[in-house]
Each structure stands twice: as C-alpha cells, then as structure tokens.
Amino acid sequence: MPIYKRITVDEHTTALIWKIEEPLEFLENGVKLSDYCRERYDGMKSMIHKKGFMSIRHLLQNFGYTDFDLSYDEKGKPHLKDGKHISITHSFEFTAVIVSDKKVGIDIEKQRDKIKLIAPKFTPIEEYKALGEGEDLIRKLTIVWGAKESLYKLYGKRGLLFLHDIFVEDFDISEQKTTARVTHNQNITYYTLNFLEFENFTCVYALAHE
C-alpha cells in the first residue's frame, strides 16, 4: 500500500496523497472505526466513496493516527485530538491528508472540461478574465476551484461564498503557487496556496500567512 506522493511543506506541515488501486477488502483490513465513522461508512452506497473513506484511514495511520484520534465539529470540519490541524480530500481514485501545526486546507480535483460551464458561479469576472484562454484555461480554473475549496475547509465557516468572499490572485501554472484573500464579516485574511498536477488531477493546499 504505497503512498503515491509525500509533500513536506515545512518542518511542521506534511501532506500525503494516496492512489486507490486496492480492493475494498484490503483497505478495510486492520482498520477500526469510531461509532460515528462506522455509521457514516455503513451508510455509503458508492464503492469509490467507501474506498476513499478507508484509504484516508490508511493515510492517518501513516501519520501515526487512528480513526479514534479524529473528530468532526458541527460544520463537518475534521479535528485531531492532539491539537494539530488536519484537512482531508477525496476525488475519484485519489485521496489526501495534510497535517500541520498551523491551520491548513487541502483539495484534489479532476481536470474536466465542464469546469468552464460552472466557472461564473465560483470566480468573479475580473478573476476569470485574468486566467486567459486556450488549453491551460481548464487547468487554471481547476486550480482556482481547488484553491477555494481548500480555503473553505481551512476557514471552517459556513456561509463563506466562493464567488464573493474568496479571491485568488492570478498566477503562472509553472510557479505552482499563488496567494488569496478571504473576506468574512468585514475581516480580511491572506493565505498562501501551493498546487501540483498529476494524472489529470490537481491538488491545492492552503496555509495562512505567518
């Protein structure tokens, strides 16, 4: 059960990515779930969701945690009992977990043409125009969407609007990083975003500025 990719962001922050290739029986083996997570798991109908859920538990083990070290607040945001910050993501055959001493968020998205259709719903016109045209547009829109998802997870506040409250600065894909600002209740916070691409997927992770 290899780790697909390990990202050492800094001495206090690490992200692990898993590519799901194993059968469900393998992923279930040796994994014990809390009553809360068992109820969630048993209610899942999709095989890919079940595999994703279990692969995340294997990622937790690689960090030295079990499912019993994890809890969720009323907004669905995961928390670790030792006080470290965690964020989790799942998209098709990939899952990822990031753990840090700082607030973090992570998201994986599949690069798909249909993102151009929904772009006006999550990126304002000035942000969208900066992304340009051509074959890189899908890649850049996917990065923006992943950036906003990761920031939404980091921020942990319901009512945060992708279109109006989160602004991602324009970027060069080759630089693999950008910045963003979140406006909520008249407060503005700035964040650093890093991203990488693999097998037509995009992973974005966000950290608050020091």
N, C-alpha and C. Protein backbone atom coordinates (compact mmCIF):
# COMPACT_ATOMS: atom_id res chain seq x y z
N MET A 1 0.85 -1.20 0.00
CA MET A 1 0.00 0.00 0.00
C MET A 1 0.88 1.25 0.00
N PRO A 2 1.43 1.54 -1.13
CA PRO A 2 2.37 2.68 -1.20
C PRO A 2 1.68 4.02 -1.13
N ILE A 3 2.39 5.01 -0.62
CA ILE A 3 1.95 6.40 -0.68
C ILE A 3 2.27 6.91 -2.09
N TYR A 4 1.31 7.50 -2.75
CA TYR A 4 1.52 8.00 -4.11
C TYR A 4 2.49 9.19 -4.10
N LYS A 5 2.31 10.08 -3.13
CA LYS A 5 3.18 11.25 -3.06
C LYS A 5 3.22 11.78 -1.64
N ARG A 6 4.41 12.16 -1.19
CA ARG A 6 4.60 12.80 0.10
C ARG A 6 5.10 14.22 -0.15
N ILE A 7 4.45 15.19 0.46
CA ILE A 7 4.85 16.59 0.30
C ILE A 7 5.24 17.15 1.66
N THR A 8 6.50 17.49 1.80
CA THR A 8 6.96 18.14 3.03
C THR A 8 6.90 19.64 2.79
N VAL A 9 5.86 20.27 3.31
CA VAL A 9 5.65 21.70 3.09
C VAL A 9 6.65 22.51 3.90
N ASP A 10 6.77 22.17 5.17
CA ASP A 10 7.78 22.74 6.06
C ASP A 10 7.96 21.76 7.21
N GLU A 11 8.75 22.13 8.19
CA GLU A 11 9.06 21.19 9.27
C GLU A 11 7.84 20.81 10.11
N HIS A 12 6.78 21.60 10.00
CA HIS A 12 5.57 21.33 10.79
C HIS A 12 4.38 20.91 9.94
N THR A 13 4.56 20.77 8.64
CA THR A 13 3.42 20.52 7.74
C THR A 13 3.77 19.47 6.70
N THR A 14 2.97 18.40 6.65
CA THR A 14 3.19 17.33 5.68
C THR A 14 1.86 16.92 5.06
N ALA A 15 1.89 16.66 3.75
CA ALA A 15 0.71 16.16 3.04
C ALA A 15 1.04 14.80 2.43
N LEU A 16 0.10 13.88 2.48
CA LEU A 16 0.25 12.57 1.88
C LEU A 16 -0.89 12.34 0.90
N ILE A 17 -0.55 11.81 -0.28
CA ILE A 17 -1.55 11.51 -1.31
C ILE A 17 -1.55 10.01 -1.58
N TRP A 18 -2.75 9.44 -1.67
CA TRP A 18 -2.92 8.02 -1.91
C TRP A 18 -3.63 7.83 -3.24
N LYS A 19 -3.16 6.89 -4.06
CA LYS A 19 -3.87 6.49 -5.26
C LYS A 19 -4.56 5.16 -4.98
N ILE A 20 -5.87 5.14 -5.09
CA ILE A 20 -6.65 3.97 -4.71
C ILE A 20 -6.61 2.94 -5.83
N GLU A 21 -5.89 1.86 -5.58
CA GLU A 21 -5.79 0.77 -6.55
C GLU A 21 -6.14 -0.58 -5.91
N GLU A 22 -6.33 -0.58 -4.60
CA GLU A 22 -6.55 -1.81 -3.86
C GLU A 22 -8.05 -2.15 -3.81
N PRO A 23 -8.38 -3.43 -3.65
CA PRO A 23 -9.78 -3.81 -3.43
C PRO A 23 -10.25 -3.33 -2.06
N LEU A 24 -11.54 -3.20 -1.89
CA LEU A 24 -12.08 -2.70 -0.63
C LEU A 24 -11.70 -3.59 0.54
N GLU A 25 -11.68 -4.91 0.31
CA GLU A 25 -11.35 -5.84 1.39
C GLU A 25 -9.96 -5.56 1.95
N PHE A 26 -9.03 -5.23 1.07
CA PHE A 26 -7.68 -4.91 1.51
C PHE A 26 -7.68 -3.64 2.34
N LEU A 27 -8.41 -2.62 1.88
CA LEU A 27 -8.43 -1.34 2.57
C LEU A 27 -9.12 -1.45 3.92
N GLU A 28 -10.10 -2.33 4.03
CA GLU A 28 -10.81 -2.50 5.30
C GLU A 28 -9.98 -3.25 6.33
N ASN A 29 -9.05 -4.06 5.87
CA ASN A 29 -8.29 -4.93 6.76
C ASN A 29 -7.47 -4.12 7.77
N GLY A 30 -7.68 -4.40 9.04
CA GLY A 30 -6.90 -3.76 10.10
C GLY A 30 -7.36 -2.37 10.49
N VAL A 31 -8.45 -1.89 9.89
CA VAL A 31 -8.94 -0.54 10.19
C VAL A 31 -10.14 -0.64 11.14
N LYS A 32 -10.05 0.02 12.28
CA LYS A 32 -11.16 0.09 13.22
C LYS A 32 -11.73 1.50 13.19
N LEU A 33 -13.04 1.60 13.18
CA LEU A 33 -13.71 2.88 13.07
C LEU A 33 -14.44 3.23 14.36
N SER A 34 -14.50 4.52 14.66
CA SER A 34 -15.32 5.00 15.77
C SER A 34 -16.79 4.77 15.43
N ASP A 35 -17.64 4.82 16.42
CA ASP A 35 -19.08 4.60 16.18
C ASP A 35 -19.62 5.61 15.17
N TYR A 36 -19.17 6.86 15.29
CA TYR A 36 -19.63 7.91 14.37
C TYR A 36 -19.22 7.60 12.94
N CYS A 37 -17.94 7.24 12.74
CA CYS A 37 -17.46 6.97 11.39
C CYS A 37 -17.99 5.65 10.85
N ARG A 38 -18.22 4.67 11.72
CA ARG A 38 -18.83 3.41 11.29
C ARG A 38 -20.23 3.66 10.73
N GLU A 39 -20.98 4.51 11.39
CA GLU A 39 -22.33 4.83 10.91
C GLU A 39 -22.27 5.53 9.55
N ARG A 40 -21.31 6.46 9.41
CA ARG A 40 -21.13 7.14 8.12
C ARG A 40 -20.74 6.15 7.04
N TYR A 41 -19.80 5.29 7.37
CA TYR A 41 -19.29 4.33 6.39
C TYR A 41 -20.36 3.34 5.94
N ASP A 42 -21.11 2.82 6.90
CA ASP A 42 -22.15 1.84 6.58
C ASP A 42 -23.26 2.45 5.73
N GLY A 43 -23.41 3.78 5.81
CA GLY A 43 -24.44 4.45 5.02
C GLY A 43 -24.02 4.78 3.61
N MET A 44 -22.76 4.52 3.28
CA MET A 44 -22.27 4.85 1.93
C MET A 44 -22.70 3.77 0.94
N LYS A 45 -23.23 4.21 -0.20
CA LYS A 45 -23.66 3.29 -1.24
C LYS A 45 -22.61 3.10 -2.33
N SER A 46 -21.78 4.13 -2.55
CA SER A 46 -20.81 4.11 -3.64
C SER A 46 -19.53 3.38 -3.23
N MET A 47 -19.07 2.49 -4.10
CA MET A 47 -17.83 1.78 -3.83
C MET A 47 -16.63 2.73 -3.78
N ILE A 48 -16.60 3.70 -4.69
CA ILE A 48 -15.47 4.63 -4.70
C ILE A 48 -15.45 5.48 -3.43
N HIS A 49 -16.63 5.81 -2.88
CA HIS A 49 -16.67 6.55 -1.62
C HIS A 49 -16.17 5.70 -0.46
N LYS A 50 -16.57 4.43 -0.46
CA LYS A 50 -16.10 3.53 0.59
C LYS A 50 -14.58 3.36 0.53
N LYS A 51 -14.06 3.17 -0.70
CA LYS A 51 -12.62 3.02 -0.84
C LYS A 51 -11.89 4.30 -0.42
N GLY A 52 -12.44 5.43 -0.81
CA GLY A 52 -11.84 6.70 -0.42
C GLY A 52 -11.80 6.86 1.08
N PHE A 53 -12.91 6.55 1.73
CA PHE A 53 -13.02 6.67 3.18
C PHE A 53 -11.96 5.81 3.87
N MET A 54 -11.82 4.56 3.40
CA MET A 54 -10.86 3.66 4.03
C MET A 54 -9.41 4.03 3.70
N SER A 55 -9.16 4.49 2.49
CA SER A 55 -7.78 4.87 2.16
C SER A 55 -7.32 6.05 3.02
N ILE A 56 -8.26 6.93 3.36
CA ILE A 56 -7.92 8.04 4.24
C ILE A 56 -7.50 7.52 5.62
N ARG A 57 -8.14 6.45 6.07
CA ARG A 57 -7.75 5.87 7.36
C ARG A 57 -6.33 5.30 7.29
N HIS A 58 -5.94 4.78 6.12
CA HIS A 58 -4.56 4.32 5.96
C HIS A 58 -3.59 5.50 5.96
N LEU A 59 -4.00 6.61 5.36
CA LEU A 59 -3.16 7.81 5.40
C LEU A 59 -2.99 8.29 6.84
N LEU A 60 -4.07 8.24 7.62
CA LEU A 60 -3.98 8.62 9.03
C LEU A 60 -2.95 7.74 9.75
N GLN A 61 -2.96 6.44 9.45
CA GLN A 61 -2.00 5.54 10.09
C GLN A 61 -0.57 5.92 9.76
N ASN A 62 -0.35 6.42 8.53
CA ASN A 62 0.99 6.85 8.15
C ASN A 62 1.44 8.07 8.94
N PHE A 63 0.49 8.83 9.45
CA PHE A 63 0.81 9.96 10.33
C PHE A 63 0.91 9.53 11.79
N GLY A 64 0.60 8.27 12.06
CA GLY A 64 0.63 7.79 13.43
C GLY A 64 -0.71 7.93 14.15
N TYR A 65 -1.79 8.15 13.40
CA TYR A 65 -3.11 8.31 13.99
C TYR A 65 -4.02 7.13 13.65
N THR A 66 -5.11 7.02 14.40
CA THR A 66 -6.18 6.10 14.05
C THR A 66 -7.47 6.91 13.91
N ASP A 67 -8.51 6.24 13.49
CA ASP A 67 -9.79 6.91 13.35
C ASP A 67 -10.27 7.50 14.68
N PHE A 68 -9.83 6.92 15.78
CA PHE A 68 -10.27 7.39 17.10
C PHE A 68 -9.57 8.68 17.52
N ASP A 69 -8.54 9.08 16.79
CA ASP A 69 -7.88 10.36 17.04
C ASP A 69 -8.57 11.51 16.31
N LEU A 70 -9.59 11.17 15.52
CA LEU A 70 -10.25 12.14 14.66
C LEU A 70 -11.66 12.43 15.17
N SER A 71 -12.03 13.71 15.13
CA SER A 71 -13.40 14.09 15.47
C SER A 71 -13.87 15.15 14.47
N TYR A 72 -15.17 15.36 14.42
CA TYR A 72 -15.75 16.33 13.48
C TYR A 72 -16.63 17.30 14.25
N ASP A 73 -16.54 18.58 13.89
CA ASP A 73 -17.40 19.56 14.55
C ASP A 73 -18.75 19.63 13.84
N GLU A 74 -19.62 20.54 14.30
CA GLU A 74 -20.97 20.62 13.76
C GLU A 74 -21.00 21.06 12.30
N LYS A 75 -19.90 21.62 11.82
CA LYS A 75 -19.81 22.04 10.42
C LYS A 75 -19.20 20.96 9.54
N GLY A 76 -18.82 19.83 10.14
CA GLY A 76 -18.22 18.75 9.39
C GLY A 76 -16.72 18.86 9.23
N LYS A 77 -16.11 19.85 9.89
CA LYS A 77 -14.66 20.03 9.79
C LYS A 77 -13.96 19.03 10.69
N PRO A 78 -12.94 18.30 10.17
CA PRO A 78 -12.23 17.32 11.00
C PRO A 78 -11.23 17.99 11.94
N HIS A 79 -11.04 17.36 13.09
CA HIS A 79 -10.08 17.86 14.08
C HIS A 79 -9.32 16.67 14.66
N LEU A 80 -8.07 16.91 15.03
CA LEU A 80 -7.27 15.90 15.70
C LEU A 80 -7.24 16.18 17.20
N LYS A 81 -7.31 15.14 17.98
CA LYS A 81 -7.40 15.31 19.43
C LYS A 81 -6.12 15.85 20.04
N ASP A 82 -4.98 15.75 19.32
CA ASP A 82 -3.72 16.26 19.88
C ASP A 82 -3.52 17.74 19.59
N GLY A 83 -4.51 18.37 18.94
CA GLY A 83 -4.44 19.80 18.70
C GLY A 83 -3.84 20.21 17.37
N LYS A 84 -3.23 19.26 16.65
CA LYS A 84 -2.73 19.60 15.32
C LYS A 84 -3.90 19.82 14.36
N HIS A 85 -3.63 20.54 13.29
CA HIS A 85 -4.66 20.83 12.29
C HIS A 85 -4.60 19.81 11.16
N ILE A 86 -5.78 19.46 10.66
CA ILE A 86 -5.86 18.43 9.61
C ILE A 86 -6.88 18.85 8.56
N SER A 87 -6.64 18.44 7.34
CA SER A 87 -7.61 18.60 6.26
C SER A 87 -7.56 17.35 5.39
N ILE A 88 -8.72 16.98 4.84
CA ILE A 88 -8.88 15.72 4.12
C ILE A 88 -9.58 15.98 2.79
N THR A 89 -9.20 15.23 1.75
CA THR A 89 -9.87 15.38 0.46
C THR A 89 -9.92 14.05 -0.27
N HIS A 90 -10.93 13.91 -1.14
CA HIS A 90 -11.11 12.69 -1.94
C HIS A 90 -11.70 13.07 -3.28
N SER A 91 -11.08 12.60 -4.36
CA SER A 91 -11.62 12.80 -5.70
C SER A 91 -11.30 11.57 -6.54
N PHE A 92 -12.34 10.81 -6.89
CA PHE A 92 -12.20 9.61 -7.70
C PHE A 92 -11.16 8.67 -7.08
N GLU A 93 -10.03 8.40 -7.77
CA GLU A 93 -9.08 7.42 -7.24
C GLU A 93 -7.97 8.02 -6.38
N PHE A 94 -8.11 9.29 -6.03
CA PHE A 94 -7.08 9.91 -5.19
C PHE A 94 -7.67 10.45 -3.88
N THR A 95 -6.93 10.26 -2.80
CA THR A 95 -7.26 10.89 -1.52
C THR A 95 -6.00 11.56 -0.99
N ALA A 96 -6.20 12.51 -0.09
CA ALA A 96 -5.05 13.19 0.51
C ALA A 96 -5.41 13.67 1.90
N VAL A 97 -4.38 13.73 2.74
CA VAL A 97 -4.49 14.26 4.10
C VAL A 97 -3.31 15.19 4.33
N ILE A 98 -3.56 16.34 4.92
CA ILE A 98 -2.49 17.25 5.31
C ILE A 98 -2.60 17.51 6.80
N VAL A 99 -1.47 17.49 7.50
CA VAL A 99 -1.43 17.70 8.94
C VAL A 99 -0.38 18.78 9.22
N SER A 100 -0.72 19.71 10.12
CA SER A 100 0.18 20.82 10.40
C SER A 100 -0.06 21.39 11.79
N ASP A 101 0.93 22.13 12.28
CA ASP A 101 0.74 22.90 13.50
C ASP A 101 -0.08 24.16 13.22
N LYS A 102 -0.20 24.51 11.91
CA LYS A 102 -0.95 25.70 11.50
C LYS A 102 -2.27 25.29 10.84
N LYS A 103 -3.18 26.23 10.71
CA LYS A 103 -4.43 25.95 10.01
C LYS A 103 -4.13 25.66 8.54
N VAL A 104 -4.71 24.56 8.03
CA VAL A 104 -4.44 24.14 6.66
C VAL A 104 -5.73 23.68 5.99
N GLY A 105 -5.69 23.64 4.68
CA GLY A 105 -6.78 23.09 3.90
C GLY A 105 -6.20 22.44 2.66
N ILE A 106 -6.81 21.34 2.20
CA ILE A 106 -6.32 20.65 1.01
C ILE A 106 -7.49 20.19 0.16
N ASP A 107 -7.27 20.17 -1.16
CA ASP A 107 -8.32 19.71 -2.06
C ASP A 107 -7.69 19.09 -3.30
N ILE A 108 -8.30 18.00 -3.79
CA ILE A 108 -7.92 17.39 -5.06
C ILE A 108 -9.12 17.45 -6.00
N GLU A 109 -8.88 17.84 -7.23
CA GLU A 109 -9.93 17.94 -8.24
C GLU A 109 -9.47 17.29 -9.54
N LYS A 110 -10.38 16.62 -10.21
CA LYS A 110 -10.11 16.08 -11.54
C LYS A 110 -10.26 17.20 -12.56
N GLN A 111 -9.34 17.29 -13.49
CA GLN A 111 -9.39 18.33 -14.53
C GLN A 111 -10.41 17.90 -15.59
N ARG A 112 -11.51 18.66 -15.67
CA ARG A 112 -12.58 18.31 -16.61
C ARG A 112 -13.07 19.55 -17.34
N ASP A 113 -13.47 19.34 -18.57
CA ASP A 113 -13.90 20.44 -19.43
C ASP A 113 -15.11 21.17 -18.86
N LYS A 114 -15.95 20.45 -18.13
CA LYS A 114 -17.20 21.05 -17.65
C LYS A 114 -16.97 22.18 -16.65
N ILE A 115 -15.74 22.31 -16.14
CA ILE A 115 -15.49 23.38 -15.18
C ILE A 115 -15.68 24.75 -15.81
N LYS A 116 -15.54 24.82 -17.14
CA LYS A 116 -15.75 26.10 -17.83
C LYS A 116 -17.21 26.53 -17.74
N LEU A 117 -18.11 25.57 -17.64
CA LEU A 117 -19.54 25.90 -17.57
C LEU A 117 -19.93 26.45 -16.21
N ILE A 118 -19.26 25.98 -15.17
CA ILE A 118 -19.64 26.42 -13.81
C ILE A 118 -18.75 27.55 -13.30
N ALA A 119 -17.72 27.91 -14.08
CA ALA A 119 -16.77 28.94 -13.63
C ALA A 119 -17.43 30.23 -13.15
N PRO A 120 -18.44 30.77 -13.87
CA PRO A 120 -19.04 32.03 -13.41
C PRO A 120 -19.70 31.93 -12.04
N LYS A 121 -19.94 30.70 -11.56
CA LYS A 121 -20.57 30.53 -10.26
C LYS A 121 -19.56 30.60 -9.11
N PHE A 122 -18.27 30.43 -9.42
CA PHE A 122 -17.30 30.44 -8.33
C PHE A 122 -16.16 31.43 -8.51
N THR A 123 -16.04 32.05 -9.68
CA THR A 123 -14.96 33.01 -9.87
C THR A 123 -15.50 34.29 -10.50
N PRO A 124 -15.28 35.45 -9.89
CA PRO A 124 -15.79 36.71 -10.43
C PRO A 124 -15.13 37.05 -11.76
N ILE A 125 -15.76 37.93 -12.52
CA ILE A 125 -15.32 38.21 -13.87
C ILE A 125 -13.88 38.70 -13.93
N GLU A 126 -13.46 39.52 -12.96
CA GLU A 126 -12.08 40.03 -13.00
C GLU A 126 -11.07 38.91 -12.74
N GLU A 127 -11.45 37.95 -11.94
CA GLU A 127 -10.60 36.81 -11.65
C GLU A 127 -10.57 35.88 -12.87
N TYR A 128 -11.72 35.66 -13.48
CA TYR A 128 -11.86 34.77 -14.62
C TYR A 128 -11.08 35.30 -15.82
N LYS A 129 -11.19 36.60 -16.10
CA LYS A 129 -10.51 37.19 -17.25
C LYS A 129 -9.00 37.06 -17.13
N ALA A 130 -8.50 37.11 -15.92
CA ALA A 130 -7.05 37.03 -15.71
C ALA A 130 -6.50 35.66 -16.07
N LEU A 131 -7.38 34.66 -16.17
CA LEU A 131 -6.91 33.30 -16.40
C LEU A 131 -6.58 33.03 -17.86
N GLY A 132 -7.04 33.89 -18.76
CA GLY A 132 -6.70 33.74 -20.16
C GLY A 132 -7.57 32.74 -20.88
N GLU A 133 -7.05 32.20 -22.00
CA GLU A 133 -7.82 31.28 -22.83
C GLU A 133 -6.93 30.10 -23.23
N GLY A 134 -7.49 29.21 -24.06
CA GLY A 134 -6.71 28.10 -24.57
C GLY A 134 -6.73 26.89 -23.66
N GLU A 135 -5.84 25.95 -23.95
CA GLU A 135 -5.87 24.66 -23.27
C GLU A 135 -5.50 24.76 -21.79
N ASP A 136 -4.81 25.83 -21.40
CA ASP A 136 -4.45 25.98 -19.98
C ASP A 136 -5.61 26.50 -19.14
N LEU A 137 -6.69 26.94 -19.78
CA LEU A 137 -7.80 27.52 -19.03
C LEU A 137 -8.42 26.50 -18.07
N ILE A 138 -8.64 25.27 -18.54
CA ILE A 138 -9.21 24.24 -17.69
C ILE A 138 -8.30 23.98 -16.49
N ARG A 139 -7.00 23.93 -16.75
CA ARG A 139 -6.04 23.70 -15.66
C ARG A 139 -6.10 24.84 -14.65
N LYS A 140 -6.15 26.08 -15.12
CA LYS A 140 -6.16 27.22 -14.21
C LYS A 140 -7.48 27.31 -13.44
N LEU A 141 -8.58 27.06 -14.12
CA LEU A 141 -9.87 27.08 -13.43
C LEU A 141 -9.93 25.99 -12.36
N THR A 142 -9.34 24.83 -12.66
CA THR A 142 -9.33 23.75 -11.68
C THR A 142 -8.49 24.14 -10.47
N ILE A 143 -7.39 24.84 -10.71
CA ILE A 143 -6.56 25.32 -9.60
C ILE A 143 -7.34 26.31 -8.74
N VAL A 144 -8.05 27.25 -9.40
CA VAL A 144 -8.84 28.24 -8.66
C VAL A 144 -9.92 27.56 -7.84
N TRP A 145 -10.63 26.60 -8.45
CA TRP A 145 -11.68 25.87 -7.72
C TRP A 145 -11.07 25.12 -6.52
N GLY A 146 -9.95 24.42 -6.75
CA GLY A 146 -9.29 23.70 -5.66
C GLY A 146 -8.80 24.63 -4.58
N ALA A 147 -8.31 25.82 -4.99
CA ALA A 147 -7.85 26.81 -4.02
C ALA A 147 -9.00 27.25 -3.12
N LYS A 148 -10.14 27.51 -3.73
CA LYS A 148 -11.28 27.98 -2.94
C LYS A 148 -11.84 26.88 -2.05
N GLU A 149 -11.82 25.64 -2.55
CA GLU A 149 -12.24 24.52 -1.72
C GLU A 149 -11.31 24.35 -0.52
N SER A 150 -10.02 24.43 -0.75
CA SER A 150 -9.06 24.26 0.35
C SER A 150 -9.19 25.38 1.37
N LEU A 151 -9.45 26.60 0.90
CA LEU A 151 -9.63 27.72 1.83
C LEU A 151 -10.93 27.60 2.61
N TYR A 152 -11.96 27.12 1.95
CA TYR A 152 -13.24 26.90 2.64
C TYR A 152 -13.05 25.89 3.77
N LYS A 153 -12.30 24.82 3.49
CA LYS A 153 -12.04 23.81 4.52
C LYS A 153 -11.18 24.39 5.65
N LEU A 154 -10.16 25.15 5.29
CA LEU A 154 -9.29 25.76 6.30
C LEU A 154 -10.07 26.71 7.19
N TYR A 155 -10.88 27.55 6.54
CA TYR A 155 -11.60 28.59 7.29
C TYR A 155 -12.65 28.00 8.21
N GLY A 156 -13.33 26.95 7.74
CA GLY A 156 -14.28 26.24 8.58
C GLY A 156 -15.50 27.04 8.96
N LYS A 157 -15.92 27.96 8.09
CA LYS A 157 -17.09 28.79 8.38
C LYS A 157 -18.17 28.58 7.33
N ARG A 158 -19.34 28.19 7.76
CA ARG A 158 -20.45 28.12 6.82
C ARG A 158 -20.86 29.54 6.43
N GLY A 159 -21.36 29.67 5.20
CA GLY A 159 -21.76 30.99 4.74
C GLY A 159 -20.68 31.70 3.95
N LEU A 160 -19.48 31.10 3.89
CA LEU A 160 -18.41 31.67 3.10
C LEU A 160 -18.71 31.39 1.62
N LEU A 161 -18.75 32.44 0.80
CA LEU A 161 -19.14 32.32 -0.59
C LEU A 161 -17.93 32.32 -1.51
N PHE A 162 -17.82 31.29 -2.34
CA PHE A 162 -16.70 31.19 -3.27
C PHE A 162 -16.63 32.42 -4.19
N LEU A 163 -17.78 32.85 -4.66
CA LEU A 163 -17.82 33.91 -5.67
C LEU A 163 -17.47 35.27 -5.08
N HIS A 164 -17.94 35.56 -3.88
CA HIS A 164 -17.83 36.91 -3.34
C HIS A 164 -16.81 37.06 -2.21
N ASP A 165 -16.52 35.97 -1.51
CA ASP A 165 -15.70 36.10 -0.30
C ASP A 165 -14.26 35.61 -0.46
N ILE A 166 -13.98 34.83 -1.51
CA ILE A 166 -12.64 34.28 -1.70
C ILE A 166 -12.10 34.75 -3.05
N PHE A 167 -10.96 35.44 -3.04
CA PHE A 167 -10.36 35.93 -4.29
C PHE A 167 -8.96 35.36 -4.43
N VAL A 168 -8.72 34.69 -5.55
CA VAL A 168 -7.42 34.09 -5.84
C VAL A 168 -6.66 34.98 -6.82
N GLU A 169 -5.46 35.37 -6.44
CA GLU A 169 -4.65 36.20 -7.33
C GLU A 169 -4.20 35.40 -8.55
N ASP A 170 -4.06 36.11 -9.69
CA ASP A 170 -3.61 35.44 -10.91
C ASP A 170 -2.23 34.83 -10.68
N PHE A 171 -1.91 33.81 -11.48
CA PHE A 171 -0.68 33.05 -11.25
C PHE A 171 -0.21 32.41 -12.55
N ASP A 172 1.04 32.03 -12.54
CA ASP A 172 1.63 31.25 -13.62
C ASP A 172 1.64 29.79 -13.16
N ILE A 173 1.08 28.90 -13.97
CA ILE A 173 0.99 27.49 -13.57
C ILE A 173 2.36 26.92 -13.22
N SER A 174 3.38 27.33 -13.95
CA SER A 174 4.71 26.77 -13.74
C SER A 174 5.29 27.11 -12.38
N GLU A 175 4.79 28.18 -11.75
CA GLU A 175 5.30 28.58 -10.45
C GLU A 175 4.72 27.73 -9.31
N GLN A 176 3.58 27.10 -9.56
CA GLN A 176 2.94 26.19 -8.62
C GLN A 176 2.57 26.84 -7.29
N LYS A 177 2.32 28.13 -7.31
CA LYS A 177 1.90 28.79 -6.08
C LYS A 177 1.20 30.11 -6.42
N THR A 178 0.38 30.58 -5.50
CA THR A 178 -0.26 31.88 -5.62
C THR A 178 -0.70 32.31 -4.23
N THR A 179 -1.44 33.39 -4.14
CA THR A 179 -1.98 33.86 -2.86
C THR A 179 -3.47 34.12 -3.03
N ALA A 180 -4.14 34.24 -1.91
CA ALA A 180 -5.58 34.51 -1.94
C ALA A 180 -5.97 35.30 -0.71
N ARG A 181 -7.11 35.95 -0.79
CA ARG A 181 -7.63 36.63 0.39
C ARG A 181 -9.08 36.19 0.63
N VAL A 182 -9.42 36.10 1.89
CA VAL A 182 -10.78 35.74 2.30
C VAL A 182 -11.37 36.89 3.07
N THR A 183 -12.54 37.33 2.67
CA THR A 183 -13.26 38.40 3.35
C THR A 183 -14.49 37.82 4.03
N HIS A 184 -14.57 37.99 5.34
CA HIS A 184 -15.72 37.44 6.08
C HIS A 184 -16.00 38.33 7.28
N ASN A 185 -17.23 38.77 7.40
CA ASN A 185 -17.63 39.66 8.49
C ASN A 185 -16.70 40.88 8.58
N GLN A 186 -16.37 41.43 7.41
CA GLN A 186 -15.54 42.64 7.27
C GLN A 186 -14.09 42.41 7.69
N ASN A 187 -13.71 41.18 7.92
CA ASN A 187 -12.31 40.86 8.21
C ASN A 187 -11.66 40.26 6.97
N ILE A 188 -10.42 40.66 6.67
CA ILE A 188 -9.70 40.16 5.51
C ILE A 188 -8.48 39.37 5.99
N THR A 189 -8.34 38.14 5.49
CA THR A 189 -7.22 37.29 5.84
C THR A 189 -6.53 36.82 4.57
N TYR A 190 -5.20 36.75 4.59
CA TYR A 190 -4.43 36.37 3.41
C TYR A 190 -3.83 34.98 3.58
N TYR A 191 -3.76 34.25 2.48
CA TYR A 191 -3.30 32.87 2.51
C TYR A 191 -2.32 32.57 1.39
N THR A 192 -1.45 31.60 1.64
CA THR A 192 -0.54 31.09 0.63
C THR A 192 -1.10 29.79 0.08
N LEU A 193 -1.07 29.65 -1.24
CA LEU A 193 -1.59 28.46 -1.91
C LEU A 193 -0.49 27.83 -2.74
N ASN A 194 -0.36 26.52 -2.62
CA ASN A 194 0.55 25.75 -3.46
C ASN A 194 -0.25 24.69 -4.19
N PHE A 195 0.18 24.35 -5.39
CA PHE A 195 -0.56 23.35 -6.15
C PHE A 195 0.38 22.48 -6.97
N LEU A 196 -0.10 21.29 -7.31
CA LEU A 196 0.63 20.38 -8.17
C LEU A 196 -0.37 19.61 -9.02
N GLU A 197 0.10 19.09 -10.16
CA GLU A 197 -0.76 18.36 -11.09
C GLU A 197 -0.17 16.98 -11.34
N PHE A 198 -1.06 15.99 -11.47
CA PHE A 198 -0.62 14.62 -11.74
C PHE A 198 -1.80 13.84 -12.32
N GLU A 199 -1.56 13.12 -13.39
CA GLU A 199 -2.55 12.23 -14.00
C GLU A 199 -3.90 12.92 -14.22
N ASN A 200 -3.85 14.16 -14.71
CA ASN A 200 -5.05 14.96 -14.99
C ASN A 200 -5.85 15.30 -13.72
N PHE A 201 -5.17 15.35 -12.60
CA PHE A 201 -5.75 15.82 -11.35
C PHE A 201 -4.94 17.01 -10.86
N THR A 202 -5.57 17.81 -10.03
CA THR A 202 -4.92 18.96 -9.43
C THR A 202 -5.08 18.89 -7.91
N CYS A 203 -4.00 19.08 -7.19
CA CYS A 203 -4.05 19.16 -5.73
C CYS A 203 -3.61 20.55 -5.31
N VAL A 204 -4.41 21.17 -4.46
CA VAL A 204 -4.10 22.51 -3.94
C VAL A 204 -4.13 22.44 -2.42
N TYR A 205 -3.13 23.05 -1.78
CA TYR A 205 -3.19 23.15 -0.31
C TYR A 205 -2.92 24.58 0.12
N ALA A 206 -3.59 24.98 1.17
CA ALA A 206 -3.58 26.37 1.63
C ALA A 206 -3.10 26.46 3.07
N LEU A 207 -2.32 27.52 3.34
CA LEU A 207 -1.87 27.82 4.70
C LEU A 207 -2.03 29.31 4.93
N ALA A 208 -2.35 29.67 6.16
CA ALA A 208 -2.45 31.08 6.50
C ALA A 208 -1.07 31.72 6.48
N HIS A 209 -1.02 32.99 6.08
CA HIS A 209 0.24 33.74 6.12
C HIS A 209 0.75 33.79 7.55
N GLU A 210 2.07 33.76 7.69
CA GLU A 210 2.65 33.91 9.03
C GLU A 210 2.43 35.32 9.54
